[in-house]
């Protein structure tokens, strides 16, 4: 793209000659930046300026508005009165200034390299994929505002640090082509490439400072709810699960065991009479290993309603000995249950149920902690069921629902009437 020569300082076109007539120059459809100038009578010798982005006709219309305010004795854009003697015809001029968008700055930055480095193509690809597309603006609470932001066509002088902050927050909640939020590493890469282009613009003196300098990416990503609010929500999702995933998901949710421990269940570990199951192994990377911690090797109680679930599942197993795995993979060829496949089934079931949550197998363990806490079970008991060594870990699992918090506030003593009188 050829460089546009900046207008010389004396290349001005007088648009307004007096307070009554306006000479409209031939208009174009090109979006450009125009600078309106007029003398500042309160500070003799000084010039007031105002920039307009649009077509040449847009600049003329803005000049008409400034002329109208000057004739009324109001200083444009300041709202203060000027002396009556200064209401006479004021020469108001406009000129075209050098204009760069983020895209044109990126193109000139790429052309500035003599020998193109190998990383240049990757940087330009990242800008095209992550920085340039228009995305929906989200507020600080992660709620969409109905507006969009597109850095691609913005003038460099219009990009501020607040613009970058809004873009980063919106990118955090935007969906990629795989229909999931962009990761923190992807957002950090996009910010780094944007920083490079803006630093080049500062070097060329197109802008005074880099608005992206010092901006940081939220490394924790999108704070999406990862557990079920109550059992009713869980049963609603359960109806949309495939048959092979229902039994493992129910057992994980109603025992609170880790996925690797649930995948390592053997047939003989279930004690139907005392409603408990023994945990002494786990599946990790397809291999049978010991449990995560020493305290994790223990009997885990389960709800009596799980007994018919276990019995129905055991009746479907063929040629399974007492030391064979209780759950097998989706293909049922003797391989162990796989975490990614079960997570995909849970995610699809949540979407089919119309829930905006991303529950994983570990989210079932967190859900059980919240359900027990809502039933008034002490945190120490929940720690025993989940087999946590530190009670602070158990407390971090508990998610107090909004309904539970509202119910708790309702237990306060009502404020007596007439306390303000």
Protein backbone atom coordinates (compact mmCIF):
# COMPACT_ATOMS: atom_id res chain seq x y z
CA UNK A 1 0.00 0.00 0.00
CA UNK A 2 1.62 3.32 -1.03
CA UNK A 3 2.31 5.79 1.72
CA UNK A 4 0.11 8.85 1.89
CA UNK A 5 2.05 12.09 1.94
CA UNK A 6 1.13 14.30 4.89
CA UNK A 7 -0.39 17.63 4.01
CA UNK A 8 1.93 20.59 4.27
CA UNK A 9 1.30 23.17 7.00
CA UNK A 10 0.09 25.79 4.51
CA UNK A 11 -2.25 23.48 2.57
CA UNK A 12 -5.48 24.87 4.02
CA UNK A 13 -8.80 25.33 2.27
CA UNK A 14 -11.08 28.07 3.55
CA UNK A 15 -14.53 26.55 3.90
CA UNK A 16 -16.33 29.41 5.62
CA UNK A 17 -15.90 33.00 4.53
CA UNK A 18 -18.56 34.62 6.71
CA UNK A 19 -21.36 33.73 9.08
CA UNK A 20 -23.98 33.24 6.34
CA UNK A 21 -22.54 31.34 3.40
CA UNK A 22 -20.71 28.05 3.18
CA UNK A 23 -18.77 26.90 0.15
CA UNK A 24 -19.09 23.11 -0.04
CA UNK A 25 -16.16 21.47 -1.75
CA UNK A 26 -16.62 18.35 -3.94
CA UNK A 27 -17.26 15.42 -1.62
CA UNK A 28 -15.86 11.90 -1.68
CA UNK A 29 -16.80 8.67 0.07
CA UNK A 30 -13.35 8.15 1.56
CA UNK A 31 -13.17 8.09 5.33
CA UNK A 32 -10.37 10.47 6.30
CA UNK A 33 -9.33 12.71 9.16
CA UNK A 34 -9.90 16.47 8.85
CA UNK A 35 -8.60 19.23 11.06
CA UNK A 36 -10.70 22.36 11.63
CA UNK A 37 -8.83 25.48 12.76
CA UNK A 38 -9.95 28.93 13.91
CA UNK A 39 -8.31 31.77 15.91
CA UNK A 40 -8.64 31.73 19.69
CA UNK A 41 -9.59 35.33 20.56
CA UNK A 42 -9.11 34.87 24.30
CA UNK A 43 -5.49 33.95 23.71
CA UNK A 44 -4.31 36.12 20.86
CA UNK A 45 -2.04 34.41 18.40
CA UNK A 46 -3.28 30.94 19.39
CA UNK A 47 -5.28 28.58 17.19
CA UNK A 48 -8.16 26.32 18.28
CA UNK A 49 -8.34 22.98 16.49
CA UNK A 50 -10.87 20.19 16.24
CA UNK A 51 -10.51 16.88 14.40
CA UNK A 52 -13.30 15.21 12.44
CA UNK A 53 -13.22 11.68 11.03
CA UNK A 54 -15.41 11.11 7.98
CA UNK A 55 -15.90 12.36 4.44
CA UNK A 56 -15.11 15.87 3.31
CA UNK A 57 -18.80 16.72 3.50
CA UNK A 58 -18.87 15.60 7.15
CA UNK A 59 -16.07 18.07 7.83
CA UNK A 60 -18.02 20.87 6.15
CA UNK A 61 -21.12 20.13 8.23
CA UNK A 62 -19.04 20.22 11.40
CA UNK A 63 -17.59 23.54 10.27
CA UNK A 64 -21.11 24.90 9.84
CA UNK A 65 -21.93 23.94 13.42
CA UNK A 66 -18.79 25.65 14.69
CA UNK A 67 -19.65 28.77 12.72
CA UNK A 68 -23.15 28.79 14.19
CA UNK A 69 -21.78 28.61 17.73
CA UNK A 70 -19.24 31.34 17.04
CA UNK A 71 -21.98 33.63 15.71
CA UNK A 72 -24.03 32.93 18.85
CA UNK A 73 -21.10 34.01 21.02
CA UNK A 74 -20.28 30.53 22.27
CA UNK A 75 -16.81 29.10 21.98
CA UNK A 76 -17.10 25.73 20.19
CA UNK A 77 -16.77 22.59 22.36
CA UNK A 78 -16.18 24.69 25.48
CA UNK A 79 -19.61 26.14 26.17
CA UNK A 80 -18.28 29.53 27.31
CA UNK A 81 -19.30 32.94 26.03
CA UNK A 82 -17.06 35.17 23.91
CA UNK A 83 -17.23 38.93 23.64
CA UNK A 84 -19.76 40.44 21.25
CA UNK A 85 -17.05 42.30 19.36
CA UNK A 86 -15.55 38.95 18.40
CA UNK A 87 -18.71 37.57 16.78
CA UNK A 88 -17.61 38.94 13.42
CA UNK A 89 -16.57 36.70 10.59
CA UNK A 90 -13.82 34.39 11.80
CA UNK A 91 -11.71 32.56 9.22
CA UNK A 92 -12.46 28.87 9.77
CA UNK A 93 -10.27 26.46 7.82
CA UNK A 94 -9.94 22.72 7.42
CA UNK A 95 -7.15 20.49 6.18
CA UNK A 96 -6.59 16.78 5.69
CA UNK A 97 -4.12 15.17 8.08
CA UNK A 98 -2.16 11.93 7.84
CA UNK A 99 -4.44 9.07 8.85
CA UNK A 100 -3.54 5.53 9.89
CA UNK A 101 -5.68 2.67 11.08
CA UNK A 102 -4.34 -0.33 12.93
CA UNK A 103 -4.47 -2.35 9.72
CA UNK A 104 -2.49 0.20 7.65
CA UNK A 105 0.04 0.48 10.48
CA UNK A 106 0.42 -3.31 10.47
CA UNK A 107 0.95 -3.31 6.69
CA UNK A 108 3.67 -0.65 6.84
CA UNK A 109 5.28 -2.43 9.80
CA UNK A 110 5.45 -5.63 7.71
CA UNK A 111 6.92 -3.73 4.75
CA UNK A 112 9.60 -2.17 6.95
CA UNK A 113 11.47 -5.47 7.12
CA UNK A 114 14.14 -5.94 4.50
CA UNK A 115 14.47 -9.68 4.89
CA UNK A 116 11.18 -11.05 6.17
CA UNK A 117 11.73 -13.05 9.40
CA UNK A 118 10.02 -16.38 9.78
CA UNK A 119 7.97 -15.11 12.73
CA UNK A 120 6.43 -12.27 10.68
CA UNK A 121 3.91 -14.51 8.91
CA UNK A 122 2.78 -15.98 12.23
CA UNK A 123 2.39 -12.56 13.81
CA UNK A 124 0.28 -11.28 10.91
CA UNK A 125 -1.84 -14.43 11.00
CA UNK A 126 -2.50 -13.93 14.73
CA UNK A 127 -3.51 -10.32 14.12
CA UNK A 128 -5.91 -11.38 11.38
CA UNK A 129 -7.46 -14.14 13.48
CA UNK A 130 -7.60 -12.72 17.01
CA UNK A 131 -7.21 -8.91 16.87
CA UNK A 132 -9.01 -7.73 13.74
CA UNK A 133 -12.41 -9.52 13.92
CA UNK A 134 -15.30 -7.61 15.48
CA UNK A 135 -16.33 -9.07 18.84
CA UNK A 136 -19.22 -8.33 21.17
CA UNK A 137 -18.41 -6.03 24.09
CA UNK A 138 -18.84 -7.48 27.60
CA UNK A 139 -18.96 -5.48 30.81
CA UNK A 140 -16.91 -6.15 33.94
CA UNK A 141 -19.46 -8.78 35.06
CA UNK A 142 -19.08 -10.69 31.80
CA UNK A 143 -22.52 -9.71 30.48
CA UNK A 144 -22.87 -8.74 26.78
CA UNK A 145 -23.78 -5.10 26.16
CA UNK A 146 -25.16 -5.53 22.64
CA UNK A 147 -22.36 -3.42 21.11
CA UNK A 148 -19.29 -4.57 19.19
CA UNK A 149 -15.68 -3.46 19.05
CA UNK A 150 -13.42 -3.78 16.00
CA UNK A 151 -9.81 -2.60 16.28
CA UNK A 152 -9.13 -3.23 12.61
CA UNK A 153 -10.69 -0.03 11.24
CA UNK A 154 -10.08 2.21 14.23
CA UNK A 155 -7.80 5.20 13.84
CA UNK A 156 -4.62 4.84 15.87
CA UNK A 157 -5.37 8.07 17.72
CA UNK A 158 -8.77 6.67 18.77
CA UNK A 159 -7.26 3.57 20.42
CA UNK A 160 -6.80 4.31 24.12
CA UNK A 161 -5.82 2.19 27.09
CA UNK A 162 -9.52 1.90 27.94
CA UNK A 163 -10.16 0.59 24.41
CA UNK A 164 -7.51 -2.11 24.91
CA UNK A 165 -8.97 -3.05 28.30
CA UNK A 166 -12.46 -3.40 26.80
CA UNK A 167 -11.11 -5.45 23.91
CA UNK A 168 -9.17 -7.80 26.20
CA UNK A 169 -12.17 -8.34 28.46
CA UNK A 170 -14.45 -8.97 25.48
CA UNK A 171 -11.92 -11.37 23.93
CA UNK A 172 -11.92 -13.28 27.21
CA UNK A 173 -15.64 -14.00 26.85
CA UNK A 174 -15.71 -14.37 23.05
CA UNK A 175 -16.09 -17.81 21.46
CA UNK A 176 -13.50 -19.28 19.11
CA UNK A 177 -14.33 -21.27 15.99
CA UNK A 178 -14.40 -24.34 18.24
CA UNK A 179 -17.24 -22.72 20.23
CA UNK A 180 -15.23 -22.31 23.42
CA UNK A 181 -13.54 -19.27 25.02
CA UNK A 182 -10.06 -18.25 23.95
CA UNK A 183 -7.37 -19.53 26.30
CA UNK A 184 -5.18 -17.20 28.33
CA UNK A 185 -2.14 -18.09 26.21
CA UNK A 186 -4.03 -17.19 23.01
CA UNK A 187 -5.10 -13.84 24.43
CA UNK A 188 -1.55 -13.12 25.64
CA UNK A 189 -0.21 -13.89 22.16
CA UNK A 190 -2.75 -11.54 20.54
CA UNK A 191 -1.83 -8.76 22.99
CA UNK A 192 1.89 -9.26 22.30
CA UNK A 193 1.40 -8.93 18.53
CA UNK A 194 -0.79 -5.85 19.01
CA UNK A 195 1.91 -4.34 21.23
CA UNK A 196 4.47 -4.81 18.46
CA UNK A 197 2.41 -2.91 15.88
CA UNK A 198 1.58 -0.08 18.29
CA UNK A 199 5.25 0.25 19.28
CA UNK A 200 6.07 0.68 15.59
CA UNK A 201 3.39 3.41 15.36
CA UNK A 202 5.02 5.21 18.30
CA UNK A 203 8.41 4.93 16.60
CA UNK A 204 6.94 6.52 13.43
CA UNK A 205 5.37 9.24 15.63
CA UNK A 206 1.85 8.44 14.46
CA UNK A 207 0.81 8.26 18.12
CA UNK A 208 2.50 9.63 21.21
CA UNK A 209 2.37 6.50 23.38
CA UNK A 210 1.42 2.84 23.17
CA UNK A 211 -2.01 2.32 24.79
CA UNK A 212 -1.40 -1.45 25.10
CA UNK A 213 1.76 -0.99 27.15
CA UNK A 214 1.33 -2.40 30.65
CA UNK A 215 -1.91 -4.23 29.83
CA UNK A 216 -2.19 -7.69 31.36
CA UNK A 217 -4.16 -10.81 30.46
CA UNK A 218 -6.34 -12.56 33.03
CA UNK A 219 -4.47 -15.85 33.39
CA UNK A 220 -7.45 -17.57 35.00
CA UNK A 221 -9.55 -17.23 31.86
CA UNK A 222 -13.32 -17.17 31.82
CA UNK A 223 -14.83 -17.84 35.21
CA UNK A 224 -17.52 -20.20 33.95
CA UNK A 225 -19.60 -22.07 36.49
CA UNK A 226 -18.24 -25.63 36.67
CA UNK A 227 -20.65 -27.35 39.03
CA UNK A 228 -24.36 -28.11 39.32
CA UNK A 229 -26.39 -25.78 41.52
CA UNK A 230 -28.59 -28.55 42.88
CA UNK A 231 -29.58 -32.15 42.27
CA UNK A 232 -32.56 -31.12 40.11
CA UNK A 233 -30.20 -29.45 37.65
CA UNK A 234 -28.04 -32.58 37.66
CA UNK A 235 -30.99 -34.88 36.88
CA UNK A 236 -32.06 -32.51 34.11
CA UNK A 237 -28.67 -32.99 32.43
CA UNK A 238 -28.63 -36.71 33.16
CA UNK A 239 -31.56 -37.29 30.79
CA UNK A 240 -29.46 -36.01 27.86
CA UNK A 241 -26.41 -38.22 28.52
CA UNK A 242 -25.73 -41.27 26.32
CA UNK A 243 -26.43 -44.63 27.94
CA UNK A 244 -22.77 -45.60 28.31
CA UNK A 245 -22.05 -42.41 30.35
CA UNK A 246 -25.03 -42.39 32.72
CA UNK A 247 -23.82 -44.94 35.28
CA UNK A 248 -20.26 -43.50 35.62
CA UNK A 249 -21.59 -39.94 35.96
CA UNK A 250 -24.13 -40.92 38.64
CA UNK A 251 -21.49 -42.81 40.62
CA UNK A 252 -18.99 -39.94 40.40
CA UNK A 253 -21.62 -37.41 41.50
CA UNK A 254 -23.02 -39.45 44.41
CA UNK A 255 -19.67 -40.66 45.81
CA UNK A 256 -17.50 -37.58 45.21
CA UNK A 257 -14.51 -39.63 44.11
CA UNK A 258 -11.94 -38.29 41.66
CA UNK A 259 -12.26 -39.41 38.05
CA UNK A 260 -9.12 -41.56 38.16
CA UNK A 261 -10.41 -43.33 41.27
CA UNK A 262 -13.82 -43.93 39.68
CA UNK A 263 -12.21 -45.26 36.50
CA UNK A 264 -10.14 -47.63 38.67
CA UNK A 265 -13.13 -49.17 40.48
CA UNK A 266 -13.04 -52.96 40.47
CA UNK A 267 -16.09 -55.18 40.88
CA UNK A 268 -15.05 -56.62 44.24
CA UNK A 269 -14.52 -53.17 45.82
CA UNK A 270 -18.27 -52.56 46.22
CA UNK A 271 -19.80 -53.44 49.59
CA UNK A 272 -23.53 -53.52 48.85
CA UNK A 273 -24.56 -54.44 52.42
CA UNK A 274 -22.88 -51.44 54.09
CA UNK A 275 -23.28 -49.05 51.09
CA UNK A 276 -19.62 -48.25 50.69
CA UNK A 277 -16.81 -48.72 48.19
CA UNK A 278 -13.11 -49.15 48.80
CA UNK A 279 -10.64 -46.77 47.13
CA UNK A 280 -7.07 -48.05 46.83
CA UNK A 281 -6.12 -47.40 43.19
CA UNK A 282 -6.66 -45.01 40.31
CA UNK A 283 -6.24 -44.89 36.54
CA UNK A 284 -3.68 -42.31 35.44
CA UNK A 285 -2.54 -42.02 31.82
CA UNK A 286 -4.06 -45.43 31.12
CA UNK A 287 -2.03 -47.11 33.89
CA UNK A 288 -3.20 -48.42 37.29
CA UNK A 289 -1.37 -46.53 40.06
CA UNK A 290 -1.80 -45.81 43.76
CA UNK A 291 -4.21 -43.15 44.95
CA UNK A 292 -3.28 -39.47 44.97
CA UNK A 293 -2.53 -39.15 48.70
CA UNK A 294 -2.10 -41.51 51.65
CA UNK A 295 -5.35 -40.32 53.21
CA UNK A 296 -7.25 -41.03 50.00
CA UNK A 297 -7.03 -44.81 50.49
CA UNK A 298 -10.20 -45.46 52.45
CA UNK A 299 -13.79 -46.67 52.38
CA UNK A 300 -16.15 -44.16 50.78
CA UNK A 301 -19.87 -44.30 51.67
CA UNK A 302 -22.51 -43.94 48.99
CA UNK A 303 -26.24 -43.24 49.01
CA UNK A 304 -28.49 -46.35 49.22
CA UNK A 305 -30.19 -45.29 45.98
CA UNK A 306 -26.94 -46.20 44.19
CA UNK A 307 -27.42 -49.92 44.95
CA UNK A 308 -29.89 -50.54 42.07
CA UNK A 309 -27.61 -48.48 39.79
CA UNK A 310 -24.67 -50.74 40.62
CA UNK A 311 -26.79 -53.90 40.28
CA UNK A 312 -28.18 -52.84 36.91
CA UNK A 313 -24.70 -51.98 35.65
CA UNK A 314 -23.21 -55.24 36.94
CA UNK A 315 -25.93 -57.19 35.11
CA UNK A 316 -24.74 -55.72 31.80
CA UNK A 317 -21.14 -56.86 32.33
CA UNK A 318 -20.16 -60.10 30.66
CA UNK A 319 -17.25 -62.32 31.63
CA UNK A 320 -16.08 -59.78 34.23
CA UNK A 321 -14.18 -61.19 37.20
CA UNK A 322 -14.07 -59.67 40.72
CA UNK A 323 -10.80 -57.87 39.97
CA UNK A 324 -11.82 -56.48 36.57
CA UNK A 325 -12.68 -52.83 36.03
CA UNK A 326 -16.24 -51.80 36.84
CA UNK A 327 -16.41 -49.17 34.07
CA UNK A 328 -14.93 -49.47 30.60
CA UNK A 329 -14.55 -46.99 27.78
CA UNK A 330 -17.14 -45.97 25.24
CA UNK A 331 -16.01 -48.66 22.79
CA UNK A 332 -16.40 -51.37 25.50
CA UNK A 333 -13.28 -53.26 24.41
CA UNK A 334 -11.83 -53.69 27.87
CA UNK A 335 -10.09 -50.30 27.94
CA UNK A 336 -10.53 -48.02 30.92
CA UNK A 337 -12.94 -45.10 30.98
CA UNK A 338 -11.45 -41.97 29.40
CA UNK A 339 -11.75 -38.53 31.01
CA UNK A 340 -11.97 -36.49 27.76
CA UNK A 341 -14.79 -38.61 26.31
CA UNK A 342 -16.85 -38.32 29.51
CA UNK A 343 -16.20 -34.56 29.68
CA UNK A 344 -17.41 -34.17 26.09
CA UNK A 345 -20.57 -36.11 26.91
CA UNK A 346 -21.21 -33.88 29.94
CA UNK A 347 -20.63 -30.70 27.94
CA UNK A 348 -23.00 -31.82 25.17
CA UNK A 349 -25.66 -32.79 27.74
CA UNK A 350 -25.42 -29.38 29.46
CA UNK A 351 -25.92 -27.63 26.11
CA UNK A 352 -28.82 -29.91 25.22
CA UNK A 353 -30.44 -29.08 28.58
CA UNK A 354 -30.07 -25.34 27.86
CA UNK A 355 -27.63 -24.69 30.72
CA UNK A 356 -24.79 -22.18 30.35
CA UNK A 357 -22.33 -24.16 32.48
CA UNK A 358 -19.24 -26.26 31.72
CA UNK A 359 -19.30 -29.17 34.15
CA UNK A 360 -16.47 -31.70 33.98
CA UNK A 361 -15.91 -34.94 35.86
CA UNK A 362 -14.13 -33.02 38.60
CA UNK A 363 -17.06 -30.59 38.67
CA UNK A 364 -19.23 -33.50 39.87
CA UNK A 365 -16.98 -33.76 42.94
CA UNK A 366 -17.39 -30.03 43.57
CA UNK A 367 -21.15 -30.33 43.09
CA UNK A 368 -21.41 -32.97 45.83
CA UNK A 369 -19.58 -30.68 48.27
CA UNK A 370 -22.06 -27.86 47.58
CA UNK A 371 -25.10 -30.16 47.82
CA UNK A 372 -24.00 -31.53 51.20
CA UNK A 373 -23.26 -28.03 52.50
CA UNK A 374 -26.73 -26.84 51.43
CA UNK A 375 -28.21 -29.75 53.42
CA UNK A 376 -26.46 -28.48 56.55
CA UNK A 377 -23.66 -31.08 56.63
CA UNK A 378 -20.63 -29.75 58.59
CA UNK A 379 -17.54 -28.90 56.54
CA UNK A 380 -15.49 -31.37 58.61
CA UNK A 381 -17.80 -34.20 57.51
CA UNK A 382 -17.58 -33.11 53.89
CA UNK A 383 -13.78 -33.15 54.22
CA UNK A 384 -13.99 -36.76 55.43
CA UNK A 385 -16.18 -37.80 52.47
CA UNK A 386 -13.94 -36.08 49.89
CA UNK A 387 -10.78 -37.26 51.73
CA UNK A 388 -9.04 -33.88 51.66
CA UNK A 389 -5.97 -33.44 53.83
CA UNK A 390 -6.53 -29.69 54.21
CA UNK A 391 -9.98 -28.38 55.14
CA UNK A 392 -9.27 -25.21 53.15
CA UNK A 393 -9.41 -27.30 49.98
CA UNK A 394 -12.85 -28.54 50.98
CA UNK A 395 -14.05 -24.98 51.64
CA UNK A 396 -12.86 -23.89 48.20
CA UNK A 397 -15.05 -26.60 46.65
CA UNK A 398 -18.24 -25.30 48.28
CA UNK A 399 -20.29 -22.95 46.09
CA UNK A 400 -23.09 -21.22 47.99
CA UNK A 401 -26.06 -20.71 45.68
CA UNK A 402 -27.87 -17.38 45.41
CA UNK A 403 -31.07 -18.96 46.70
CA UNK A 404 -29.23 -20.25 49.77
CA UNK A 405 -27.71 -16.83 50.45
CA UNK A 406 -31.15 -15.19 50.12
CA UNK A 407 -32.63 -17.75 52.50
CA UNK A 408 -29.86 -17.06 55.02
CA UNK A 409 -30.53 -13.30 54.94
CA UNK A 410 -34.22 -14.02 55.57
CA UNK A 411 -33.34 -15.51 58.94
CA UNK A 412 -32.31 -12.12 60.34
CA UNK A 413 -34.54 -10.41 62.87
CA UNK A 414 -36.88 -8.02 61.01
CA UNK A 415 -36.23 -4.32 61.52
CA UNK A 416 -38.92 -2.89 63.86
CA UNK A 417 -41.33 -0.42 62.35
CA UNK A 418 -40.84 3.23 63.18
CA UNK A 419 -37.12 3.06 63.95
CA UNK A 420 -36.52 6.16 61.82
CA UNK A 421 -39.17 8.23 63.61
